[in-house]
């Protein structure tokens, strides 16, 4: 009797899909966050250097 009950519970857990879409959205959000962090670390320094260079050039045009 106990084994039959355990088997029924296990079967119902395997076929329960109520929280599945939430888990999929969390996984998607994590992947997007990891990609964003990777892109920022790759291009962040380059972008920062270009902004600093552009700022220096604009300040140099002031002609004090």
N, C-alpha and C. Protein backbone atom coordinates (compact mmCIF):
# COMPACT_ATOMS: atom_id res chain seq x y z
N UNK A 1 0.82 -1.19 0.00
CA UNK A 1 0.00 0.00 0.00
C UNK A 1 0.87 1.27 0.00
N UNK A 2 1.92 1.26 0.85
CA UNK A 2 2.81 2.42 0.94
C UNK A 2 3.54 2.65 -0.37
N UNK A 3 4.02 1.59 -1.03
CA UNK A 3 4.73 1.74 -2.30
C UNK A 3 3.81 2.29 -3.37
N UNK A 4 2.57 1.87 -3.36
CA UNK A 4 1.62 2.36 -4.36
C UNK A 4 1.37 3.86 -4.17
N UNK A 5 1.29 4.28 -2.90
CA UNK A 5 1.08 5.70 -2.61
C UNK A 5 2.29 6.52 -3.04
N UNK A 6 3.51 6.03 -2.75
CA UNK A 6 4.73 6.73 -3.15
C UNK A 6 4.81 6.84 -4.66
N UNK A 7 4.45 5.78 -5.35
CA UNK A 7 4.48 5.78 -6.80
C UNK A 7 3.50 6.80 -7.36
N UNK A 8 2.32 6.90 -6.76
CA UNK A 8 1.32 7.87 -7.20
C UNK A 8 1.77 9.30 -6.99
N UNK A 9 2.41 9.56 -5.86
CA UNK A 9 2.92 10.90 -5.56
C UNK A 9 4.02 11.26 -6.54
N UNK A 10 4.94 10.34 -6.78
CA UNK A 10 6.04 10.57 -7.71
C UNK A 10 5.50 10.84 -9.11
N UNK A 11 4.51 10.06 -9.52
CA UNK A 11 3.93 10.23 -10.85
C UNK A 11 3.24 11.59 -10.98
N UNK A 12 2.54 12.01 -9.92
CA UNK A 12 1.86 13.29 -10.00
C UNK A 12 2.87 14.45 -10.02
N UNK A 13 4.00 14.29 -9.32
CA UNK A 13 5.03 15.34 -9.36
C UNK A 13 5.69 15.43 -10.72
N UNK A 14 5.88 14.31 -11.36
CA UNK A 14 6.52 14.29 -12.68
C UNK A 14 5.63 14.96 -13.72
N UNK A 15 4.33 14.78 -13.61
CA UNK A 15 3.41 15.30 -14.62
C UNK A 15 2.84 16.68 -14.26
N UNK A 16 3.23 17.23 -13.11
CA UNK A 16 2.75 18.55 -12.69
C UNK A 16 3.54 19.62 -13.44
N UNK A 17 2.85 20.45 -14.21
CA UNK A 17 3.51 21.48 -15.02
C UNK A 17 3.10 22.88 -14.61
N UNK A 18 2.53 23.04 -13.42
CA UNK A 18 2.03 24.35 -13.01
C UNK A 18 3.13 25.40 -12.88
N UNK A 19 4.28 25.04 -12.33
CA UNK A 19 5.35 26.01 -12.14
C UNK A 19 6.36 26.01 -13.26
N UNK A 20 6.11 25.26 -14.30
CA UNK A 20 7.08 25.11 -15.38
C UNK A 20 7.35 26.41 -16.10
N UNK A 21 6.33 27.17 -16.42
CA UNK A 21 6.56 28.41 -17.17
C UNK A 21 7.34 29.42 -16.33
N UNK A 22 7.11 29.44 -15.03
CA UNK A 22 7.86 30.34 -14.16
C UNK A 22 9.34 29.98 -14.16
N UNK A 23 9.62 28.70 -14.09
CA UNK A 23 11.01 28.25 -14.11
C UNK A 23 11.66 28.61 -15.43
N UNK A 24 10.94 28.46 -16.52
CA UNK A 24 11.49 28.81 -17.84
C UNK A 24 11.80 30.30 -17.91
N UNK A 25 10.92 31.15 -17.37
CA UNK A 25 11.17 32.58 -17.39
C UNK A 25 12.37 32.95 -16.52
N UNK A 26 12.54 32.28 -15.39
CA UNK A 26 13.69 32.54 -14.53
C UNK A 26 14.98 32.15 -15.24
N UNK A 27 14.97 31.01 -15.90
CA UNK A 27 16.16 30.58 -16.65
C UNK A 27 16.48 31.58 -17.77
N UNK A 28 15.46 32.03 -18.47
CA UNK A 28 15.66 33.02 -19.54
C UNK A 28 16.22 34.32 -18.97
N UNK A 29 15.70 34.76 -17.84
CA UNK A 29 16.19 35.98 -17.20
C UNK A 29 17.65 35.84 -16.79
N UNK A 30 18.00 34.69 -16.26
CA UNK A 30 19.39 34.45 -15.86
C UNK A 30 20.31 34.47 -17.09
N UNK A 31 19.88 33.85 -18.18
CA UNK A 31 20.69 33.85 -19.40
C UNK A 31 20.88 35.26 -19.94
N UNK A 32 19.83 36.07 -19.91
CA UNK A 32 19.93 37.45 -20.38
C UNK A 32 20.88 38.24 -19.48
N UNK A 33 20.79 38.03 -18.17
CA UNK A 33 21.68 38.73 -17.24
C UNK A 33 23.14 38.34 -17.47
N UNK A 34 23.39 37.06 -17.66
CA UNK A 34 24.76 36.60 -17.90
C UNK A 34 25.30 37.17 -19.21
N UNK A 35 24.46 37.20 -20.24
CA UNK A 35 24.89 37.77 -21.52
C UNK A 35 25.17 39.27 -21.37
N UNK A 36 24.33 39.98 -20.62
CA UNK A 36 24.55 41.40 -20.40
C UNK A 36 25.83 41.68 -19.65
N UNK A 37 26.10 40.89 -18.63
CA UNK A 37 27.33 41.05 -17.86
C UNK A 37 28.54 40.74 -18.74
N UNK A 38 28.44 39.71 -19.55
CA UNK A 38 29.54 39.37 -20.46
C UNK A 38 29.81 40.46 -21.46
N UNK A 39 28.76 41.01 -22.04
CA UNK A 39 28.94 42.10 -23.01
C UNK A 39 29.51 43.34 -22.35
N UNK A 40 29.03 43.66 -21.15
CA UNK A 40 29.52 44.84 -20.46
C UNK A 40 31.01 44.69 -20.14
N UNK A 41 31.40 43.50 -19.69
CA UNK A 41 32.81 43.32 -19.36
C UNK A 41 33.68 43.32 -20.60
N UNK A 42 33.13 42.90 -21.73
CA UNK A 42 33.89 42.89 -22.98
C UNK A 42 34.01 44.28 -23.58
N UNK A 43 32.90 44.99 -23.67
CA UNK A 43 32.88 46.27 -24.36
C UNK A 43 32.90 47.47 -23.44
N UNK A 44 32.77 47.26 -22.14
CA UNK A 44 32.71 48.38 -21.18
C UNK A 44 33.97 49.21 -21.17
N UNK A 45 35.11 48.55 -21.12
CA UNK A 45 36.37 49.30 -21.09
C UNK A 45 36.61 50.04 -22.40
N UNK A 46 36.31 49.41 -23.51
CA UNK A 46 36.48 50.05 -24.81
C UNK A 46 35.57 51.28 -24.92
N UNK A 47 34.34 51.13 -24.51
CA UNK A 47 33.39 52.24 -24.56
C UNK A 47 33.82 53.37 -23.64
N UNK A 48 34.29 53.02 -22.46
CA UNK A 48 34.75 54.04 -21.52
C UNK A 48 35.94 54.80 -22.08
N UNK A 49 36.86 54.10 -22.73
CA UNK A 49 38.01 54.76 -23.35
C UNK A 49 37.59 55.70 -24.46
N UNK A 50 36.64 55.31 -25.26
CA UNK A 50 36.18 56.16 -26.36
C UNK A 50 35.48 57.41 -25.82
N UNK A 51 34.70 57.25 -24.76
CA UNK A 51 34.01 58.41 -24.18
C UNK A 51 35.03 59.38 -23.57
N UNK A 52 36.03 58.84 -22.89
CA UNK A 52 37.08 59.69 -22.31
C UNK A 52 37.83 60.44 -23.41
N UNK A 53 38.15 59.76 -24.50
CA UNK A 53 38.84 60.37 -25.63
C UNK A 53 37.98 61.47 -26.25
N UNK A 54 36.70 61.20 -26.45
CA UNK A 54 35.81 62.20 -27.04
C UNK A 54 35.67 63.41 -26.13
N UNK A 55 35.59 63.17 -24.83
CA UNK A 55 35.50 64.27 -23.88
C UNK A 55 36.75 65.14 -23.92
N UNK A 56 37.91 64.52 -24.02
CA UNK A 56 39.17 65.27 -24.09
C UNK A 56 39.21 66.11 -25.37
N UNK A 57 38.74 65.55 -26.47
CA UNK A 57 38.75 66.30 -27.73
C UNK A 57 37.79 67.46 -27.68
N UNK A 58 36.63 67.29 -27.07
CA UNK A 58 35.67 68.40 -26.97
C UNK A 58 36.23 69.48 -26.05
N UNK A 59 36.85 69.09 -24.95
CA UNK A 59 37.44 70.08 -24.04
C UNK A 59 38.58 70.82 -24.73
N UNK A 60 39.32 70.14 -25.60
CA UNK A 60 40.43 70.78 -26.33
C UNK A 60 39.95 71.79 -27.34
N UNK A 61 38.69 71.70 -27.76
CA UNK A 61 38.15 72.64 -28.74
C UNK A 61 37.75 73.97 -28.09
N UNK A 62 37.79 74.04 -26.76
CA UNK A 62 37.38 75.24 -26.04
C UNK A 62 38.25 76.44 -26.36
N UNK A 63 39.52 76.24 -26.64
CA UNK A 63 40.41 77.31 -27.02
C UNK A 63 40.61 78.37 -25.96
N UNK A 64 40.92 77.96 -24.74
CA UNK A 64 41.13 78.95 -23.67
C UNK A 64 42.21 79.83 -24.03
